[in-house]
Each structure stands twice: as C-alpha cells, then as structure tokens.
Amino acid sequence: MTQYADADRTVALGGVFQAARLARDIARNGVCDAAAFEASRESLFDFTPASVIDVFCGTQGIALGLQSLSKQLAHPEQRDLEVSRYVIALLHLTDRLMRSGPAMQTLHDDLTALGRRRDHIELAESVQHEQLAQIYQDRISVLGPRIIIRGEPLHLQNPENTARIRVALLAGIRAAVLWRQAGGKKWQMLLRRRTIIATARELTHKTDRDAP
C-alpha cells in the first residue's frame, strides 16, 4: 500500500486550486498561465505516475496552484471567493464521482482512449481541448449541480475559452481524486491549515530554487 505524506496531499490539493484559478482567469481575462494550464492538462494522461509530484511534471508545473492554495488559506479575509467556490464544487463533484465505480471507470476509459489517439495522431491543441471538454460534459456535468463559471461575457461566449475552462475543471477533478487517494479530507483544510500552508510555501520555494 502506497504511503502518502503531507507534501503529496498538498501537491494534489494545489492541483485543485490551480484548476480553479485557471478557470477563473480564462473566464475573466480570456487568458491564463500557459505553463500551468499545460501541466494541468497533461496530468489527465498520466495514469501511472512514479509520485504525486510527477503528475504535474515537477514542482514548476504546480507552482500556480501552490501559490493560490497558500494565499487562500493564509489570508481568508483576502481570499478570492470565485476560486474558493470552484474548489468546493470540484471537491463535491469528485466525491460523487468516486462513489460510483462505473463512472470512474468510464472516465478513465475515455481519457485512456484519447491518450492513445494522441500517441498515434498529432492532434491540434484546440482538438484536444474540444475532446476533453466533451468528456467533462459527458462524465462530470451529469454527476450533480453544474459549476457556474462567472466572468466576462465576451470571453465566456468564445467556444475556445469554454473548452479550456472545461479542460481546467476536468484537471481539477483529476487532482481532487488524487488528493482523496492520498488521504485528503475536507476538515484538514481547517484543522491542518498551518501545516498545509507551510508545506505549500516550502514546495514553492523549492520551485524558485529549481527554476532555470
């Protein structure tokens, strides 16, 4: 049985916050951190990672999420309410997903199939985003109340932005599943808040040291 540490749970939770932040930024501004988005998207295709951090291709891939996690928990009075709302909704949908073995398996099968197509055919990013967005609609949106994304109508009416938001949310579900599998519990964000903040900051500092 795999033994998980605080760092593993913090990284996975950082993945949820990163997804929420990406969705918020796309909805508000039409753009987001490109490196963070790529790391989150690629996490959907890593089914047998050597470690939790490897899911995001190292600490640099999860830096945005760790920073957002640390800021949200350390300064509740300054927290971004949209990011918080998306995180809570993602965790709620993940609980529903994990209670259904068939739903988990079908989602895994869909992502595996798309991963195989990527291996054999060079798919444009826009095509990948459309197909991942469709998987989100087919497998996640049906689980319960849909996540209502708020932002600028100009950006939300753009189909490419809508697809990217759904990709980010799907990556958030993947990270939330990983968090649960690593022993993550909702009460930890309150009762172990200081430990999570300290771990997130330590990992962020490691990212800064490792940056080229």
N, C-alpha and C. Protein backbone atom coordinates (compact mmCIF):
# COMPACT_ATOMS: atom_id res chain seq x y z
N MET A 1 0.85 -1.21 0.00
CA MET A 1 0.00 0.00 0.00
C MET A 1 0.88 1.25 0.00
N THR A 2 0.58 2.18 -0.92
CA THR A 2 1.37 3.40 -1.03
C THR A 2 1.20 4.28 0.20
N GLN A 3 2.32 4.77 0.71
CA GLN A 3 2.29 5.68 1.86
C GLN A 3 2.43 7.11 1.35
N TYR A 4 1.47 7.95 1.70
CA TYR A 4 1.49 9.33 1.26
C TYR A 4 1.86 10.26 2.40
N ALA A 5 2.54 11.35 2.06
CA ALA A 5 2.98 12.34 3.05
C ALA A 5 2.20 13.64 2.87
N ASP A 6 2.42 14.58 3.80
CA ASP A 6 1.78 15.89 3.71
C ASP A 6 2.08 16.56 2.37
N ALA A 7 3.29 16.40 1.89
CA ALA A 7 3.67 17.03 0.62
C ALA A 7 2.83 16.49 -0.53
N ASP A 8 2.54 15.20 -0.52
CA ASP A 8 1.73 14.61 -1.58
C ASP A 8 0.32 15.19 -1.57
N ARG A 9 -0.27 15.25 -0.38
CA ARG A 9 -1.62 15.80 -0.28
C ARG A 9 -1.66 17.28 -0.65
N THR A 10 -0.61 18.00 -0.26
CA THR A 10 -0.56 19.43 -0.58
C THR A 10 -0.43 19.65 -2.07
N VAL A 11 0.39 18.86 -2.73
CA VAL A 11 0.55 18.98 -4.18
C VAL A 11 -0.77 18.69 -4.88
N ALA A 12 -1.43 17.60 -4.48
CA ALA A 12 -2.71 17.25 -5.11
C ALA A 12 -3.76 18.33 -4.88
N LEU A 13 -3.82 18.86 -3.64
CA LEU A 13 -4.77 19.93 -3.36
C LEU A 13 -4.39 21.19 -4.14
N GLY A 14 -3.09 21.42 -4.30
CA GLY A 14 -2.64 22.53 -5.14
C GLY A 14 -3.14 22.38 -6.57
N GLY A 15 -3.24 21.12 -7.03
CA GLY A 15 -3.78 20.87 -8.37
C GLY A 15 -5.23 21.30 -8.50
N VAL A 16 -5.99 21.12 -7.43
CA VAL A 16 -7.40 21.55 -7.43
C VAL A 16 -7.46 23.08 -7.48
N PHE A 17 -6.66 23.74 -6.65
CA PHE A 17 -6.65 25.20 -6.63
C PHE A 17 -6.13 25.76 -7.95
N GLN A 18 -5.16 25.07 -8.55
CA GLN A 18 -4.64 25.54 -9.83
C GLN A 18 -5.73 25.49 -10.89
N ALA A 19 -6.48 24.41 -10.91
CA ALA A 19 -7.57 24.29 -11.88
C ALA A 19 -8.60 25.40 -11.69
N ALA A 20 -8.95 25.67 -10.43
CA ALA A 20 -9.92 26.72 -10.13
C ALA A 20 -9.40 28.08 -10.57
N ARG A 21 -8.13 28.33 -10.32
CA ARG A 21 -7.53 29.61 -10.71
C ARG A 21 -7.49 29.75 -12.24
N LEU A 22 -7.15 28.68 -12.93
CA LEU A 22 -7.10 28.73 -14.40
C LEU A 22 -8.48 29.01 -14.98
N ALA A 23 -9.49 28.33 -14.45
CA ALA A 23 -10.86 28.55 -14.92
C ALA A 23 -11.29 29.99 -14.68
N ARG A 24 -10.96 30.51 -13.50
CA ARG A 24 -11.31 31.89 -13.18
C ARG A 24 -10.63 32.87 -14.13
N ASP A 25 -9.33 32.66 -14.38
CA ASP A 25 -8.57 33.58 -15.22
C ASP A 25 -9.07 33.58 -16.66
N ILE A 26 -9.37 32.39 -17.18
CA ILE A 26 -9.87 32.31 -18.56
C ILE A 26 -11.22 33.03 -18.66
N ALA A 27 -12.07 32.81 -17.66
CA ALA A 27 -13.40 33.43 -17.67
C ALA A 27 -13.31 34.94 -17.55
N ARG A 28 -12.40 35.43 -16.74
CA ARG A 28 -12.29 36.87 -16.53
C ARG A 28 -11.51 37.58 -17.63
N ASN A 29 -10.42 36.94 -18.06
CA ASN A 29 -9.47 37.64 -18.93
C ASN A 29 -9.29 37.01 -20.31
N GLY A 30 -9.77 35.80 -20.50
CA GLY A 30 -9.58 35.12 -21.77
C GLY A 30 -8.22 34.49 -21.91
N VAL A 31 -7.37 34.67 -20.92
CA VAL A 31 -6.02 34.09 -20.92
C VAL A 31 -5.71 33.54 -19.53
N CYS A 32 -4.69 32.70 -19.47
CA CYS A 32 -4.26 32.15 -18.18
C CYS A 32 -2.79 31.79 -18.29
N ASP A 33 -2.22 31.34 -17.18
CA ASP A 33 -0.82 30.92 -17.15
C ASP A 33 -0.67 29.70 -18.06
N ALA A 34 0.03 29.87 -19.18
CA ALA A 34 0.12 28.81 -20.20
C ALA A 34 0.82 27.56 -19.67
N ALA A 35 1.90 27.74 -18.91
CA ALA A 35 2.65 26.60 -18.39
C ALA A 35 1.82 25.81 -17.38
N ALA A 36 1.11 26.53 -16.53
CA ALA A 36 0.25 25.87 -15.54
C ALA A 36 -0.89 25.12 -16.22
N PHE A 37 -1.47 25.73 -17.25
CA PHE A 37 -2.56 25.08 -17.97
C PHE A 37 -2.07 23.79 -18.64
N GLU A 38 -0.91 23.86 -19.26
CA GLU A 38 -0.36 22.66 -19.92
C GLU A 38 -0.09 21.55 -18.91
N ALA A 39 0.49 21.91 -17.76
CA ALA A 39 0.78 20.91 -16.72
C ALA A 39 -0.51 20.27 -16.22
N SER A 40 -1.54 21.08 -16.00
CA SER A 40 -2.81 20.55 -15.54
C SER A 40 -3.44 19.66 -16.60
N ARG A 41 -3.42 20.10 -17.84
CA ARG A 41 -3.99 19.29 -18.92
C ARG A 41 -3.27 17.96 -19.06
N GLU A 42 -1.94 18.00 -19.03
CA GLU A 42 -1.18 16.76 -19.20
C GLU A 42 -1.36 15.80 -18.03
N SER A 43 -1.75 16.33 -16.86
CA SER A 43 -1.98 15.46 -15.71
C SER A 43 -3.12 14.48 -15.98
N LEU A 44 -3.98 14.81 -16.94
CA LEU A 44 -5.11 13.95 -17.27
C LEU A 44 -4.68 12.68 -17.98
N PHE A 45 -3.44 12.64 -18.46
CA PHE A 45 -3.00 11.49 -19.24
C PHE A 45 -1.90 10.69 -18.54
N ASP A 46 -1.55 11.06 -17.32
CA ASP A 46 -0.53 10.32 -16.56
C ASP A 46 -1.24 9.38 -15.60
N PHE A 47 -1.43 8.14 -16.04
CA PHE A 47 -2.21 7.18 -15.26
C PHE A 47 -1.38 6.37 -14.28
N THR A 48 -0.07 6.30 -14.51
CA THR A 48 0.79 5.52 -13.62
C THR A 48 2.02 6.34 -13.21
N PRO A 49 1.80 7.44 -12.50
CA PRO A 49 2.94 8.30 -12.12
C PRO A 49 3.80 7.64 -11.06
N ALA A 50 5.09 7.97 -11.09
CA ALA A 50 6.00 7.45 -10.08
C ALA A 50 5.73 8.08 -8.72
N SER A 51 5.21 9.31 -8.73
CA SER A 51 4.89 10.02 -7.49
C SER A 51 3.83 11.06 -7.79
N VAL A 52 3.26 11.64 -6.75
CA VAL A 52 2.22 12.65 -6.93
C VAL A 52 2.77 13.86 -7.68
N ILE A 53 3.94 14.31 -7.32
CA ILE A 53 4.52 15.49 -7.96
C ILE A 53 4.78 15.25 -9.44
N ASP A 54 5.05 13.99 -9.81
CA ASP A 54 5.30 13.66 -11.22
C ASP A 54 4.06 13.86 -12.08
N VAL A 55 2.88 13.80 -11.47
CA VAL A 55 1.65 14.02 -12.22
C VAL A 55 1.66 15.39 -12.88
N PHE A 56 2.31 16.35 -12.21
CA PHE A 56 2.36 17.73 -12.71
C PHE A 56 3.73 18.08 -13.28
N CYS A 57 4.52 17.05 -13.57
CA CYS A 57 5.85 17.25 -14.19
C CYS A 57 6.77 18.07 -13.29
N GLY A 58 6.68 17.85 -11.98
CA GLY A 58 7.57 18.54 -11.04
C GLY A 58 6.91 19.75 -10.41
N THR A 59 7.63 20.36 -9.47
CA THR A 59 7.06 21.47 -8.72
C THR A 59 6.74 22.69 -9.59
N GLN A 60 7.49 22.90 -10.66
CA GLN A 60 7.21 24.06 -11.50
C GLN A 60 5.84 23.97 -12.16
N GLY A 61 5.39 22.74 -12.42
CA GLY A 61 4.10 22.56 -13.06
C GLY A 61 2.92 22.86 -12.15
N ILE A 62 3.16 22.89 -10.84
CA ILE A 62 2.08 23.10 -9.88
C ILE A 62 2.27 24.40 -9.09
N ALA A 63 3.24 25.22 -9.50
CA ALA A 63 3.59 26.44 -8.76
C ALA A 63 2.41 27.38 -8.60
N LEU A 64 1.65 27.59 -9.66
CA LEU A 64 0.49 28.50 -9.58
C LEU A 64 -0.52 27.99 -8.56
N GLY A 65 -0.75 26.69 -8.55
CA GLY A 65 -1.70 26.11 -7.61
C GLY A 65 -1.25 26.21 -6.17
N LEU A 66 0.03 25.97 -5.94
CA LEU A 66 0.57 26.05 -4.58
C LEU A 66 0.51 27.48 -4.06
N GLN A 67 0.80 28.44 -4.92
CA GLN A 67 0.72 29.85 -4.52
C GLN A 67 -0.71 30.24 -4.19
N SER A 68 -1.64 29.79 -5.01
CA SER A 68 -3.05 30.10 -4.79
C SER A 68 -3.55 29.44 -3.52
N LEU A 69 -3.18 28.18 -3.31
CA LEU A 69 -3.56 27.44 -2.11
C LEU A 69 -3.06 28.15 -0.86
N SER A 70 -1.78 28.51 -0.86
CA SER A 70 -1.18 29.16 0.29
C SER A 70 -1.86 30.49 0.59
N LYS A 71 -2.10 31.28 -0.44
CA LYS A 71 -2.71 32.59 -0.26
C LYS A 71 -4.15 32.48 0.25
N GLN A 72 -4.89 31.55 -0.32
CA GLN A 72 -6.30 31.39 0.07
C GLN A 72 -6.45 30.96 1.52
N LEU A 73 -5.57 30.05 1.98
CA LEU A 73 -5.67 29.55 3.34
C LEU A 73 -5.03 30.49 4.36
N ALA A 74 -3.95 31.16 3.95
CA ALA A 74 -3.23 32.02 4.89
C ALA A 74 -3.94 33.34 5.13
N HIS A 75 -4.69 33.82 4.15
CA HIS A 75 -5.35 35.12 4.27
C HIS A 75 -6.83 34.99 3.88
N PRO A 76 -7.62 34.35 4.75
CA PRO A 76 -9.05 34.14 4.44
C PRO A 76 -9.79 35.42 4.11
N GLU A 77 -9.40 36.51 4.77
CA GLU A 77 -10.10 37.77 4.55
C GLU A 77 -9.81 38.33 3.15
N GLN A 78 -8.75 37.86 2.51
CA GLN A 78 -8.38 38.35 1.18
C GLN A 78 -8.62 37.30 0.10
N ARG A 79 -9.21 36.19 0.47
CA ARG A 79 -9.32 35.09 -0.49
C ARG A 79 -10.22 35.46 -1.67
N ASP A 80 -9.93 34.85 -2.79
CA ASP A 80 -10.73 35.03 -4.00
C ASP A 80 -11.95 34.12 -3.87
N LEU A 81 -13.11 34.71 -3.74
CA LEU A 81 -14.32 33.92 -3.48
C LEU A 81 -14.67 33.02 -4.65
N GLU A 82 -14.35 33.45 -5.87
CA GLU A 82 -14.65 32.61 -7.03
C GLU A 82 -13.79 31.34 -7.00
N VAL A 83 -12.50 31.50 -6.73
CA VAL A 83 -11.61 30.34 -6.65
C VAL A 83 -12.09 29.39 -5.55
N SER A 84 -12.44 29.94 -4.40
CA SER A 84 -12.93 29.11 -3.29
C SER A 84 -14.19 28.35 -3.69
N ARG A 85 -15.07 29.02 -4.37
CA ARG A 85 -16.33 28.38 -4.78
C ARG A 85 -16.08 27.25 -5.76
N TYR A 86 -15.16 27.47 -6.70
CA TYR A 86 -14.86 26.43 -7.67
C TYR A 86 -14.19 25.23 -7.00
N VAL A 87 -13.30 25.49 -6.05
CA VAL A 87 -12.63 24.40 -5.34
C VAL A 87 -13.65 23.54 -4.61
N ILE A 88 -14.55 24.18 -3.88
CA ILE A 88 -15.57 23.44 -3.13
C ILE A 88 -16.44 22.61 -4.08
N ALA A 89 -16.81 23.21 -5.20
CA ALA A 89 -17.65 22.49 -6.18
C ALA A 89 -16.90 21.30 -6.78
N LEU A 90 -15.62 21.47 -7.07
CA LEU A 90 -14.83 20.38 -7.62
C LEU A 90 -14.71 19.22 -6.63
N LEU A 91 -14.49 19.55 -5.36
CA LEU A 91 -14.40 18.50 -4.35
C LEU A 91 -15.73 17.78 -4.19
N HIS A 92 -16.82 18.53 -4.28
CA HIS A 92 -18.15 17.93 -4.16
C HIS A 92 -18.41 16.96 -5.32
N LEU A 93 -18.12 17.40 -6.55
CA LEU A 93 -18.33 16.54 -7.71
C LEU A 93 -17.42 15.31 -7.66
N THR A 94 -16.21 15.50 -7.16
CA THR A 94 -15.28 14.38 -7.05
C THR A 94 -15.81 13.33 -6.08
N ASP A 95 -16.39 13.76 -4.98
CA ASP A 95 -16.99 12.81 -4.03
C ASP A 95 -18.07 11.98 -4.72
N ARG A 96 -18.88 12.64 -5.53
CA ARG A 96 -19.93 11.92 -6.25
C ARG A 96 -19.32 10.94 -7.25
N LEU A 97 -18.30 11.38 -7.95
CA LEU A 97 -17.63 10.53 -8.93
C LEU A 97 -17.06 9.29 -8.28
N MET A 98 -16.38 9.46 -7.15
CA MET A 98 -15.69 8.35 -6.51
C MET A 98 -16.64 7.37 -5.84
N ARG A 99 -17.87 7.80 -5.63
CA ARG A 99 -18.86 6.87 -5.06
C ARG A 99 -19.42 5.93 -6.13
N SER A 100 -19.10 6.22 -7.38
CA SER A 100 -19.60 5.40 -8.48
C SER A 100 -18.45 4.75 -9.22
N GLY A 101 -18.24 3.47 -8.97
CA GLY A 101 -17.18 2.74 -9.66
C GLY A 101 -17.32 2.79 -11.17
N PRO A 102 -18.52 2.55 -11.72
CA PRO A 102 -18.69 2.61 -13.17
C PRO A 102 -18.35 3.98 -13.76
N ALA A 103 -18.73 5.05 -13.05
CA ALA A 103 -18.44 6.41 -13.55
C ALA A 103 -16.94 6.66 -13.59
N MET A 104 -16.24 6.22 -12.55
CA MET A 104 -14.78 6.36 -12.52
C MET A 104 -14.14 5.59 -13.67
N GLN A 105 -14.62 4.37 -13.90
CA GLN A 105 -14.05 3.54 -14.95
C GLN A 105 -14.31 4.12 -16.33
N THR A 106 -15.51 4.62 -16.54
CA THR A 106 -15.85 5.20 -17.84
C THR A 106 -15.00 6.43 -18.12
N LEU A 107 -14.81 7.27 -17.09
CA LEU A 107 -13.96 8.45 -17.26
C LEU A 107 -12.53 8.02 -17.59
N HIS A 108 -12.02 7.04 -16.87
CA HIS A 108 -10.67 6.53 -17.14
C HIS A 108 -10.57 5.99 -18.57
N ASP A 109 -11.59 5.27 -19.01
CA ASP A 109 -11.58 4.70 -20.36
C ASP A 109 -11.56 5.80 -21.41
N ASP A 110 -12.35 6.86 -21.19
CA ASP A 110 -12.40 7.97 -22.15
C ASP A 110 -11.05 8.65 -22.27
N LEU A 111 -10.42 8.92 -21.12
CA LEU A 111 -9.12 9.59 -21.13
C LEU A 111 -8.04 8.69 -21.72
N THR A 112 -8.11 7.41 -21.43
CA THR A 112 -7.14 6.46 -21.99
C THR A 112 -7.26 6.42 -23.51
N ALA A 113 -8.50 6.38 -23.99
CA ALA A 113 -8.73 6.34 -25.44
C ALA A 113 -8.18 7.60 -26.12
N LEU A 114 -8.42 8.75 -25.51
CA LEU A 114 -7.90 9.99 -26.08
C LEU A 114 -6.38 10.00 -26.01
N GLY A 115 -5.83 9.48 -24.93
CA GLY A 115 -4.38 9.40 -24.81
C GLY A 115 -3.78 8.55 -25.92
N ARG A 116 -4.43 7.47 -26.25
CA ARG A 116 -3.94 6.61 -27.33
C ARG A 116 -4.01 7.33 -28.67
N ARG A 117 -5.10 8.07 -28.89
CA ARG A 117 -5.20 8.83 -30.13
C ARG A 117 -4.08 9.85 -30.24
N ARG A 118 -3.76 10.48 -29.14
CA ARG A 118 -2.66 11.46 -29.14
C ARG A 118 -1.33 10.79 -29.47
N ASP A 119 -1.18 9.56 -29.05
CA ASP A 119 0.07 8.84 -29.31
C ASP A 119 0.24 8.47 -30.78
N HIS A 120 -0.88 8.30 -31.48
CA HIS A 120 -0.82 7.84 -32.86
C HIS A 120 -1.07 8.94 -33.88
N ILE A 121 -1.77 9.99 -33.44
CA ILE A 121 -2.09 11.09 -34.36
C ILE A 121 -1.73 12.40 -33.68
N GLU A 122 -1.13 13.28 -34.43
CA GLU A 122 -0.79 14.59 -33.87
C GLU A 122 -2.05 15.46 -33.86
N LEU A 123 -2.67 15.54 -32.70
CA LEU A 123 -3.90 16.31 -32.56
C LEU A 123 -3.58 17.76 -32.19
N ALA A 124 -4.21 18.69 -32.87
CA ALA A 124 -4.03 20.10 -32.53
C ALA A 124 -4.55 20.33 -31.11
N GLU A 125 -3.97 21.32 -30.45
CA GLU A 125 -4.41 21.61 -29.08
C GLU A 125 -5.89 21.92 -29.02
N SER A 126 -6.38 22.65 -30.00
CA SER A 126 -7.80 23.00 -29.99
C SER A 126 -8.67 21.75 -30.07
N VAL A 127 -8.22 20.75 -30.83
CA VAL A 127 -8.97 19.50 -30.95
C VAL A 127 -8.94 18.74 -29.62
N GLN A 128 -7.76 18.70 -29.00
CA GLN A 128 -7.65 18.05 -27.69
C GLN A 128 -8.57 18.71 -26.67
N HIS A 129 -8.59 20.03 -26.69
CA HIS A 129 -9.42 20.77 -25.74
C HIS A 129 -10.91 20.49 -25.97
N GLU A 130 -11.30 20.43 -27.24
CA GLU A 130 -12.70 20.13 -27.55
C GLU A 130 -13.08 18.74 -27.06
N GLN A 131 -12.18 17.77 -27.25
CA GLN A 131 -12.50 16.40 -26.86
C GLN A 131 -12.49 16.23 -25.34
N LEU A 132 -11.57 16.89 -24.68
CA LEU A 132 -11.55 16.85 -23.21
C LEU A 132 -12.77 17.56 -22.64
N ALA A 133 -13.16 18.66 -23.26
CA ALA A 133 -14.36 19.38 -22.82
C ALA A 133 -15.59 18.50 -22.96
N GLN A 134 -15.65 17.72 -24.04
CA GLN A 134 -16.78 16.82 -24.24
C GLN A 134 -16.79 15.71 -23.19
N ILE A 135 -15.62 15.21 -22.84
CA ILE A 135 -15.53 14.22 -21.77
C ILE A 135 -16.05 14.80 -20.46
N TYR A 136 -15.66 16.05 -20.18
CA TYR A 136 -16.14 16.71 -18.96
C TYR A 136 -17.67 16.79 -18.96
N GLN A 137 -18.23 17.21 -20.09
CA GLN A 137 -19.69 17.33 -20.17
C GLN A 137 -20.38 15.98 -20.00
N ASP A 138 -19.81 14.95 -20.64
CA ASP A 138 -20.43 13.62 -20.63
C ASP A 138 -20.30 12.91 -19.29
N ARG A 139 -19.18 13.12 -18.60
CA ARG A 139 -18.89 12.31 -17.41
C ARG A 139 -18.97 13.06 -16.09
N ILE A 140 -18.75 14.37 -16.11
CA ILE A 140 -18.73 15.13 -14.86
C ILE A 140 -19.97 15.99 -14.69
N SER A 141 -20.39 16.69 -15.74
CA SER A 141 -21.53 17.58 -15.63
C SER A 141 -22.80 16.85 -15.21
N VAL A 142 -22.88 15.56 -15.54
CA VAL A 142 -24.09 14.78 -15.23
C VAL A 142 -24.13 14.31 -13.79
N LEU A 143 -23.06 14.51 -13.03
CA LEU A 143 -22.99 13.98 -11.66
C LEU A 143 -23.80 14.78 -10.65
N GLY A 144 -24.03 16.04 -10.93
CA GLY A 144 -24.73 16.87 -9.95
C GLY A 144 -24.84 18.28 -10.46
N PRO A 145 -25.11 19.22 -9.57
CA PRO A 145 -25.22 20.62 -9.98
C PRO A 145 -23.96 21.07 -10.73
N ARG A 146 -24.17 21.68 -11.87
CA ARG A 146 -23.03 22.12 -12.68
C ARG A 146 -22.34 23.30 -12.01
N ILE A 147 -21.04 23.40 -12.25
CA ILE A 147 -20.28 24.54 -11.73
C ILE A 147 -20.57 25.75 -12.62
N ILE A 148 -21.11 26.78 -12.02
CA ILE A 148 -21.42 28.00 -12.77
C ILE A 148 -20.19 28.90 -12.75
N ILE A 149 -19.63 29.13 -13.92
CA ILE A 149 -18.43 29.95 -14.04
C ILE A 149 -18.84 31.39 -14.35
N ARG A 150 -18.35 32.30 -13.56
CA ARG A 150 -18.65 33.72 -13.78
C ARG A 150 -17.44 34.41 -14.41
N GLY A 151 -17.72 35.37 -15.26
CA GLY A 151 -16.63 36.09 -15.91
C GLY A 151 -17.17 37.11 -16.89
N GLU A 152 -16.32 37.52 -17.80
CA GLU A 152 -16.72 38.49 -18.82
C GLU A 152 -17.48 37.77 -19.94
N PRO A 153 -18.68 38.23 -20.28
CA PRO A 153 -19.46 37.57 -21.34
C PRO A 153 -18.68 37.41 -22.64
N LEU A 154 -17.86 38.39 -22.99
CA LEU A 154 -17.08 38.32 -24.22
C LEU A 154 -16.19 37.08 -24.24
N HIS A 155 -15.58 36.77 -23.10
CA HIS A 155 -14.69 35.62 -23.02
C HIS A 155 -15.48 34.31 -22.89
N LEU A 156 -16.56 34.36 -22.13
CA LEU A 156 -17.35 33.14 -21.91
C LEU A 156 -18.10 32.70 -23.15
N GLN A 157 -18.36 33.63 -24.07
CA GLN A 157 -19.06 33.29 -25.30
C GLN A 157 -18.13 32.74 -26.38
N ASN A 158 -16.83 32.77 -26.10
CA ASN A 158 -15.84 32.24 -27.04
C ASN A 158 -15.74 30.72 -26.85
N PRO A 159 -16.06 29.91 -27.85
CA PRO A 159 -16.05 28.45 -27.70
C PRO A 159 -14.69 27.89 -27.26
N GLU A 160 -13.61 28.49 -27.72
CA GLU A 160 -12.28 28.01 -27.32
C GLU A 160 -12.07 28.23 -25.83
N ASN A 161 -12.51 29.36 -25.32
CA ASN A 161 -12.38 29.62 -23.88
C ASN A 161 -13.26 28.67 -23.08
N THR A 162 -14.46 28.43 -23.56
CA THR A 162 -15.36 27.50 -22.87
C THR A 162 -14.74 26.11 -22.78
N ALA A 163 -14.13 25.67 -23.88
CA ALA A 163 -13.47 24.35 -23.89
C ALA A 163 -12.31 24.32 -22.91
N ARG A 164 -11.51 25.38 -22.89
CA ARG A 164 -10.35 25.41 -21.99
C ARG A 164 -10.77 25.44 -20.53
N ILE A 165 -11.87 26.13 -20.24
CA ILE A 165 -12.39 26.14 -18.86
C ILE A 165 -12.77 24.73 -18.45
N ARG A 166 -13.42 23.99 -19.33
CA ARG A 166 -13.82 22.62 -19.00
C ARG A 166 -12.61 21.70 -18.87
N VAL A 167 -11.58 21.95 -19.67
CA VAL A 167 -10.34 21.18 -19.52
C VAL A 167 -9.75 21.43 -18.13
N ALA A 168 -9.72 22.70 -17.72
CA ALA A 168 -9.19 23.04 -16.39
C ALA A 168 -10.00 22.36 -15.30
N LEU A 169 -11.31 22.40 -15.41
CA LEU A 169 -12.17 21.78 -14.40
C LEU A 169 -11.98 20.26 -14.37
N LEU A 170 -11.81 19.65 -15.53
CA LEU A 170 -11.56 18.21 -15.57
C LEU A 170 -10.25 17.88 -14.89
N ALA A 171 -9.23 18.72 -15.11
CA ALA A 171 -7.95 18.54 -14.43
C ALA A 171 -8.12 18.72 -12.92
N GLY A 172 -9.02 19.61 -12.53
CA GLY A 172 -9.30 19.79 -11.11
C GLY A 172 -9.92 18.55 -10.49
N ILE A 173 -10.78 17.89 -11.24
CA ILE A 173 -11.37 16.63 -10.78
C ILE A 173 -10.27 15.58 -10.62
N ARG A 174 -9.38 15.51 -11.59
CA ARG A 174 -8.27 14.54 -11.53
C ARG A 174 -7.42 14.79 -10.28
N ALA A 175 -7.12 16.07 -10.02
CA ALA A 175 -6.32 16.41 -8.85
C ALA A 175 -7.07 16.10 -7.55
N ALA A 176 -8.38 16.33 -7.54
CA ALA A 176 -9.17 16.06 -6.34
C ALA A 176 -9.25 14.56 -6.06
N VAL A 177 -9.35 13.75 -7.11
CA VAL A 177 -9.31 12.30 -6.94
C VAL A 177 -7.97 11.89 -6.33
N LEU A 178 -6.90 12.47 -6.86
CA LEU A 178 -5.56 12.17 -6.35
C LEU A 178 -5.44 12.57 -4.88
N TRP A 179 -6.00 13.73 -4.55
CA TRP A 179 -5.99 14.21 -3.16
C TRP A 179 -6.70 13.24 -2.23
N ARG A 180 -7.85 12.78 -2.66
CA ARG A 180 -8.61 11.81 -1.88
C ARG A 180 -7.81 10.51 -1.71
N GLN A 181 -7.23 10.05 -2.80
CA GLN A 181 -6.47 8.80 -2.75
C GLN A 181 -5.24 8.92 -1.84
N ALA A 182 -4.73 10.14 -1.70
CA ALA A 182 -3.56 10.38 -0.83
C ALA A 182 -3.96 10.61 0.62
N GLY A 183 -5.26 10.49 0.90
CA GLY A 183 -5.74 10.66 2.28
C GLY A 183 -6.26 12.05 2.58
N GLY A 184 -6.52 12.84 1.55
CA GLY A 184 -7.03 14.19 1.76
C GLY A 184 -8.46 14.19 2.26
N LYS A 185 -8.73 15.04 3.26
CA LYS A 185 -10.07 15.21 3.82
C LYS A 185 -10.38 16.70 3.90
N LYS A 186 -11.65 17.05 3.76
CA LYS A 186 -12.02 18.47 3.77
C LYS A 186 -11.69 19.14 5.10
N TRP A 187 -11.83 18.42 6.20
CA TRP A 187 -11.57 19.02 7.50
C TRP A 187 -10.11 19.43 7.67
N GLN A 188 -9.21 18.80 6.89
CA GLN A 188 -7.79 19.13 7.00
C GLN A 188 -7.51 20.57 6.61
N MET A 189 -8.31 21.12 5.69
CA MET A 189 -8.10 22.50 5.26
C MET A 189 -8.37 23.49 6.39
N LEU A 190 -9.11 23.05 7.40
CA LEU A 190 -9.37 23.90 8.56
C LEU A 190 -8.45 23.55 9.72
N LEU A 191 -8.42 22.27 10.09
CA LEU A 191 -7.67 21.87 11.28
C LEU A 191 -6.18 21.70 11.04
N ARG A 192 -5.78 21.49 9.80
CA ARG A 192 -4.35 21.35 9.49
C ARG A 192 -3.89 22.45 8.54
N ARG A 193 -4.58 23.57 8.63
CA ARG A 193 -4.32 24.68 7.72
C ARG A 193 -2.87 25.13 7.76
N ARG A 194 -2.31 25.27 8.97
CA ARG A 194 -0.94 25.76 9.09
C ARG A 194 0.06 24.81 8.45
N THR A 195 -0.16 23.52 8.63
CA THR A 195 0.73 22.53 8.03
C THR A 195 0.66 22.60 6.51
N ILE A 196 -0.55 22.73 5.98
CA ILE A 196 -0.73 22.82 4.53
C ILE A 196 -0.05 24.07 3.98
N ILE A 197 -0.24 25.19 4.66
CA ILE A 197 0.38 26.45 4.21
C ILE A 197 1.90 26.33 4.22
N ALA A 198 2.44 25.80 5.33
CA ALA A 198 3.90 25.67 5.45
C ALA A 198 4.45 24.75 4.36
N THR A 199 3.76 23.65 4.10
CA THR A 199 4.21 22.70 3.08
C THR A 199 4.13 23.33 1.69
N ALA A 200 3.04 24.04 1.41
CA ALA A 200 2.88 24.70 0.11
C ALA A 200 3.99 25.73 -0.11
N ARG A 201 4.31 26.49 0.94
CA ARG A 201 5.36 27.51 0.81
C ARG A 201 6.72 26.87 0.62
N GLU A 202 6.96 25.78 1.33
CA GLU A 202 8.24 25.07 1.17
C GLU A 202 8.40 24.55 -0.25
N LEU A 203 7.32 23.99 -0.79
CA LEU A 203 7.36 23.48 -2.17
C LEU A 203 7.52 24.62 -3.16
N THR A 204 6.89 25.76 -2.87
CA THR A 204 7.02 26.93 -3.75
C THR A 204 8.45 27.44 -3.76
N HIS A 205 9.08 27.47 -2.59
CA HIS A 205 10.47 27.90 -2.52
C HIS A 205 11.38 26.94 -3.27
N LYS A 206 11.05 25.65 -3.22
CA LYS A 206 11.81 24.67 -3.99
C LYS A 206 11.68 24.94 -5.48
N THR A 207 10.47 25.32 -5.89
CA THR A 207 10.26 25.65 -7.29
C THR A 207 11.13 26.83 -7.71
N ASP A 208 11.20 27.85 -6.85
CA ASP A 208 12.01 29.02 -7.14
C ASP A 208 13.50 28.65 -7.26
N ARG A 209 13.94 27.75 -6.39
CA ARG A 209 15.35 27.32 -6.42
C ARG A 209 15.65 26.51 -7.67
N ASP A 210 14.67 25.72 -8.12
CA ASP A 210 14.89 24.85 -9.25
C ASP A 210 14.70 25.54 -10.59
N ALA A 211 14.11 26.74 -10.57
CA ALA A 211 13.83 27.45 -11.81
C ALA A 211 15.14 27.80 -12.52
N PRO A 212 15.16 27.66 -13.86
CA PRO A 212 16.40 27.98 -14.60
C PRO A 212 16.75 29.45 -14.55
